[in-house]
């Protein structure tokens, strides 16, 4: 039974850089093992209501501008997972989008984790107009997928404030470390109420996340571990000053 996992995907150039975050993701696939399929929950596909991709051969979406040409030449030609998309739709009521591809929140970490691109992938959207508590509830409806060998891979940012982005920056502000510390404590305690009320539970929440979309994949992964999740922090650190690269695995509290 796979854990549900949250990773921070950093800047699009992560895959071209030498960094602790890149090295972590490059080893994560071996650490987790090979799932039967992957449901990627990316910060970069936002919708009003839940949607899941049903493409048989999802395209690699280069949803960024002004980066090195090498990034735009990259492709992640994983097969789609239409059957998984149908199952997600049954469990959650999500609409199936037959054309949605894989944005960089999905394909960048997947290219590092599973570079052969031979595992079927579907993608689930996040809903910035809905609360974190709603995303925990969405995740709980996905819990049964883990019993079928599906890896639920949520991809966003533990701390994601691009206004404070400093390329190559090594100093991290107190508000960023403060929020990351609150997040560690909240997840370790399995405190779904605080996570669902994150905007008021942490004084640094809005500085750490000026908008919600990079936070919302995390409560989906948390919820997918059931009502009493156990948390393992897989990685911690900051890159470019403001980008928190923390990653977590969640398992059901009754699973040893």
Protein backbone atom coordinates (compact mmCIF):
# COMPACT_ATOMS: atom_id res chain seq x y z
CA UNK A 1 0.00 0.00 0.00
CA UNK A 2 1.62 3.22 -1.14
CA UNK A 3 1.73 6.32 1.00
CA UNK A 4 0.29 9.50 -0.37
CA UNK A 5 3.12 11.95 -0.96
CA UNK A 6 3.52 15.71 -1.13
CA UNK A 7 6.58 17.18 -2.84
CA UNK A 8 7.67 20.74 -3.46
CA UNK A 9 8.59 21.12 -7.13
CA UNK A 10 10.49 24.40 -6.83
CA UNK A 11 11.30 26.51 -9.87
CA UNK A 12 10.92 24.99 -13.37
CA UNK A 13 14.73 25.03 -13.65
CA UNK A 14 14.99 22.53 -10.79
CA UNK A 15 15.52 19.73 -13.27
CA UNK A 16 18.53 21.54 -14.78
CA UNK A 17 20.15 22.55 -11.50
CA UNK A 18 22.37 20.88 -8.96
CA UNK A 19 20.58 21.14 -5.64
CA UNK A 20 19.51 19.16 -2.61
CA UNK A 21 15.88 19.34 -3.75
CA UNK A 22 16.72 17.88 -7.14
CA UNK A 23 18.84 15.13 -5.61
CA UNK A 24 16.00 14.23 -3.25
CA UNK A 25 13.46 13.89 -6.05
CA UNK A 26 15.91 11.91 -8.19
CA UNK A 27 16.09 9.29 -5.44
CA UNK A 28 12.46 9.31 -4.36
CA UNK A 29 11.18 6.90 -7.01
CA UNK A 30 13.63 4.21 -5.91
CA UNK A 31 12.68 4.85 -2.29
CA UNK A 32 8.95 4.48 -2.93
CA UNK A 33 9.07 1.68 -5.48
CA UNK A 34 7.03 1.27 -8.63
CA UNK A 35 3.28 2.01 -8.39
CA UNK A 36 0.65 0.57 -10.71
CA UNK A 37 -0.32 4.13 -11.71
CA UNK A 38 0.17 7.70 -10.53
CA UNK A 39 -2.42 10.34 -9.72
CA UNK A 40 -0.58 13.67 -9.81
CA UNK A 41 -2.23 16.58 -8.00
CA UNK A 42 -0.53 19.72 -9.31
CA UNK A 43 -0.70 23.33 -8.20
CA UNK A 44 -0.59 24.37 -11.84
CA UNK A 45 -3.96 22.97 -12.90
CA UNK A 46 -6.64 25.04 -11.22
CA UNK A 47 -10.37 24.68 -11.80
CA UNK A 48 -13.62 25.83 -10.17
CA UNK A 49 -14.69 22.24 -9.49
CA UNK A 50 -12.58 19.09 -9.37
CA UNK A 51 -11.37 17.77 -12.71
CA UNK A 52 -9.24 14.78 -13.67
CA UNK A 53 -7.35 14.18 -16.90
CA UNK A 54 -8.46 11.25 -19.01
CA UNK A 55 -5.99 11.62 -21.87
CA UNK A 56 -4.58 8.38 -23.26
CA UNK A 57 -1.27 10.08 -24.16
CA UNK A 58 -1.01 13.31 -22.13
CA UNK A 59 1.12 16.02 -23.67
CA UNK A 60 3.99 17.65 -21.82
CA UNK A 61 2.87 21.20 -21.07
CA UNK A 62 5.55 23.90 -20.86
CA UNK A 63 3.50 26.35 -18.81
CA UNK A 64 6.24 28.91 -18.12
CA UNK A 65 8.06 31.66 -19.96
CA UNK A 66 11.59 33.04 -20.15
CA UNK A 67 13.51 29.91 -19.18
CA UNK A 68 16.39 28.11 -20.95
CA UNK A 69 15.60 26.44 -24.27
CA UNK A 70 16.58 23.07 -22.84
CA UNK A 71 13.44 23.08 -20.69
CA UNK A 72 11.16 23.53 -23.69
CA UNK A 73 12.75 20.58 -25.45
CA UNK A 74 11.98 18.22 -22.59
CA UNK A 75 9.16 15.72 -22.93
CA UNK A 76 7.69 13.27 -20.44
CA UNK A 77 5.87 10.77 -22.66
CA UNK A 78 4.20 8.69 -19.97
CA UNK A 79 1.01 6.88 -20.95
CA UNK A 80 -2.23 8.26 -19.64
CA UNK A 81 -4.49 6.45 -17.20
CA UNK A 82 -8.09 6.75 -18.47
CA UNK A 83 -9.29 3.90 -16.24
CA UNK A 84 -7.81 5.63 -13.19
CA UNK A 85 -9.48 8.87 -14.25
CA UNK A 86 -12.82 7.10 -14.41
CA UNK A 87 -12.26 5.68 -10.93
CA UNK A 88 -11.36 9.13 -9.57
CA UNK A 89 -14.49 10.56 -11.15
CA UNK A 90 -16.59 7.85 -9.50
CA UNK A 91 -15.03 8.49 -6.09
CA UNK A 92 -15.05 12.29 -6.15
CA UNK A 93 -17.51 13.48 -8.78
CA UNK A 94 -14.64 15.11 -10.68
CA UNK A 95 -15.25 15.92 -14.33
CA UNK A 96 -13.04 14.05 -16.78
CA UNK A 97 -11.05 16.28 -19.13
CA UNK A 98 -10.00 14.12 -22.10
CA UNK A 99 -7.39 16.61 -23.36
CA UNK A 100 -5.54 17.86 -20.25
CA UNK A 101 -1.82 17.09 -20.32
CA UNK A 102 0.87 17.14 -17.65
CA UNK A 103 1.96 20.59 -16.48
CA UNK A 104 5.41 21.19 -15.03
CA UNK A 105 4.16 20.68 -11.49
CA UNK A 106 3.61 17.07 -12.52
CA UNK A 107 6.23 16.26 -15.14
CA UNK A 108 9.26 17.90 -13.54
CA UNK A 109 9.15 15.78 -10.35
CA UNK A 110 8.01 12.71 -12.30
CA UNK A 111 10.90 13.02 -14.75
CA UNK A 112 13.27 12.91 -11.80
CA UNK A 113 11.43 10.20 -9.89
CA UNK A 114 10.51 7.86 -12.74
CA UNK A 115 12.66 8.88 -15.72
CA UNK A 116 11.60 5.95 -17.91
CA UNK A 117 8.12 7.52 -18.18
CA UNK A 118 6.52 4.09 -18.35
CA UNK A 119 3.98 4.36 -15.52
CA UNK A 120 0.44 5.53 -16.42
CA UNK A 121 -0.35 9.00 -15.11
CA UNK A 122 -3.58 10.93 -14.59
CA UNK A 123 -3.71 14.44 -13.14
CA UNK A 124 -6.17 15.94 -10.67
CA UNK A 125 -6.80 19.68 -10.39
CA UNK A 126 -6.89 21.88 -7.31
CA UNK A 127 -9.63 24.40 -6.63
CA UNK A 128 -8.39 27.77 -5.28
CA UNK A 129 -11.97 28.89 -4.61
CA UNK A 130 -12.37 26.00 -2.17
CA UNK A 131 -10.82 25.71 1.28
CA UNK A 132 -8.00 23.50 2.46
CA UNK A 133 -10.63 21.60 4.48
CA UNK A 134 -12.45 20.87 1.21
CA UNK A 135 -9.20 19.50 -0.22
CA UNK A 136 -8.68 17.26 2.81
CA UNK A 137 -12.18 15.89 2.18
CA UNK A 138 -11.32 15.40 -1.49
CA UNK A 139 -8.24 13.44 -0.51
CA UNK A 140 -10.21 11.19 1.82
CA UNK A 141 -12.39 10.12 -1.05
CA UNK A 142 -9.22 8.96 -2.83
CA UNK A 143 -7.86 6.79 0.00
CA UNK A 144 -8.98 3.50 -1.56
CA UNK A 145 -6.74 4.11 -4.59
CA UNK A 146 -3.69 3.51 -2.43
CA UNK A 147 -4.85 -0.05 -1.77
CA UNK A 148 -4.74 -0.63 -5.52
CA UNK A 149 -1.10 0.35 -5.77
CA UNK A 150 -1.74 3.91 -6.97
CA UNK A 151 0.71 6.59 -5.91
CA UNK A 152 -1.07 9.85 -5.07
CA UNK A 153 1.63 12.44 -5.74
CA UNK A 154 0.70 15.96 -4.71
CA UNK A 155 3.03 18.63 -6.08
CA UNK A 156 3.15 22.23 -4.91
CA UNK A 157 5.37 24.20 -2.56
CA UNK A 158 5.74 24.09 1.21
CA UNK A 159 6.61 27.79 1.04
CA UNK A 160 5.98 29.56 -2.25
CA UNK A 161 6.31 33.33 -2.41
CA UNK A 162 7.71 34.37 -5.78
CA UNK A 163 7.74 38.01 -4.71
CA UNK A 164 10.55 37.03 -2.36
CA UNK A 165 12.33 34.82 -4.92
CA UNK A 166 16.06 35.48 -5.11
CA UNK A 167 17.84 33.34 -7.69
CA UNK A 168 20.64 31.53 -5.92
CA UNK A 169 19.75 33.19 -2.61
CA UNK A 170 20.96 31.36 0.49
CA UNK A 171 19.40 33.36 3.32
CA UNK A 172 15.89 32.42 4.44
CA UNK A 173 13.60 34.90 6.17
CA UNK A 174 12.02 34.27 9.56
CA UNK A 175 8.48 34.22 8.11
CA UNK A 176 9.47 31.34 5.80
CA UNK A 177 11.13 29.23 8.48
CA UNK A 178 8.28 30.10 10.82
CA UNK A 179 5.65 28.78 8.44
CA UNK A 180 7.68 25.67 7.64
CA UNK A 181 8.01 24.96 11.36
CA UNK A 182 4.28 25.38 11.88
CA UNK A 183 3.64 23.04 8.96
CA UNK A 184 5.97 20.38 10.36
CA UNK A 185 4.30 20.51 13.77
CA UNK A 186 0.78 20.48 12.34
CA UNK A 187 1.42 17.49 10.09
CA UNK A 188 3.31 15.57 12.76
CA UNK A 189 0.33 16.04 15.11
CA UNK A 190 -2.11 14.96 12.40
CA UNK A 191 -4.05 18.13 13.12
CA UNK A 192 -6.59 18.24 10.32
CA UNK A 193 -8.45 21.16 11.89
CA UNK A 194 -5.37 23.40 11.93
CA UNK A 195 -4.42 22.31 8.42
CA UNK A 196 -7.92 23.03 7.18
CA UNK A 197 -7.81 26.47 8.85
CA UNK A 198 -4.22 27.18 7.79
CA UNK A 199 -4.85 30.81 6.85
CA UNK A 200 -5.74 31.66 10.44
CA UNK A 201 -3.82 28.93 12.28
CA UNK A 202 -0.40 30.24 11.20
CA UNK A 203 0.50 33.96 11.41
CA UNK A 204 2.91 33.51 8.48
CA UNK A 205 0.52 31.73 6.12
CA UNK A 206 -0.23 34.56 3.73
CA UNK A 207 3.40 35.67 3.55
CA UNK A 208 4.43 32.09 2.81
CA UNK A 209 1.65 31.69 0.23
CA UNK A 210 0.34 34.95 -1.30
CA UNK A 211 -2.07 32.71 -3.23
CA UNK A 212 -3.43 29.30 -2.30
CA UNK A 213 -2.71 27.03 -5.25
CA UNK A 214 0.76 25.80 -4.23
CA UNK A 215 -0.47 24.88 -0.75
CA UNK A 216 -3.66 23.04 -1.75
CA UNK A 217 -2.12 19.83 -3.14
CA UNK A 218 -0.77 19.13 0.36
CA UNK A 219 -4.13 18.71 2.13
CA UNK A 220 -5.22 16.35 -0.67
CA UNK A 221 -2.27 14.08 0.08
CA UNK A 222 -2.89 14.42 3.82
CA UNK A 223 -6.56 13.49 3.44
CA UNK A 224 -5.76 10.49 1.25
CA UNK A 225 -4.12 8.83 4.26
CA UNK A 226 -7.45 8.65 6.05
CA UNK A 227 -8.80 10.26 9.23
CA UNK A 228 -5.68 9.58 11.35
CA UNK A 229 -2.68 10.05 9.07
CA UNK A 230 0.87 9.43 10.11
CA UNK A 231 3.41 11.85 8.70
CA UNK A 232 7.01 11.23 7.70
CA UNK A 233 9.01 14.24 6.59
CA UNK A 234 11.03 13.08 3.63
CA UNK A 235 12.96 16.25 2.87
CA UNK A 236 13.37 19.78 4.19
CA UNK A 237 15.19 22.85 2.95
CA UNK A 238 14.93 26.11 1.07
CA UNK A 239 16.16 27.13 -2.37
CA UNK A 240 16.44 30.60 -3.90
CA UNK A 241 15.67 32.10 -0.51
CA UNK A 242 11.89 31.73 -0.42
CA UNK A 243 11.06 28.36 -1.95
CA UNK A 244 10.42 25.75 0.73
CA UNK A 245 11.28 22.33 -0.70
CA UNK A 246 9.82 20.20 2.08
CA UNK A 247 8.26 16.85 1.24
CA UNK A 248 6.09 14.49 3.27
CA UNK A 249 4.71 10.97 3.10
CA UNK A 250 1.36 10.15 4.69
CA UNK A 251 0.16 6.72 5.74
CA UNK A 252 -2.98 5.56 7.49
CA UNK A 253 -2.75 5.54 11.26
CA UNK A 254 -3.83 1.90 11.44
CA UNK A 255 -1.20 0.76 8.92
CA UNK A 256 2.12 -0.41 10.40
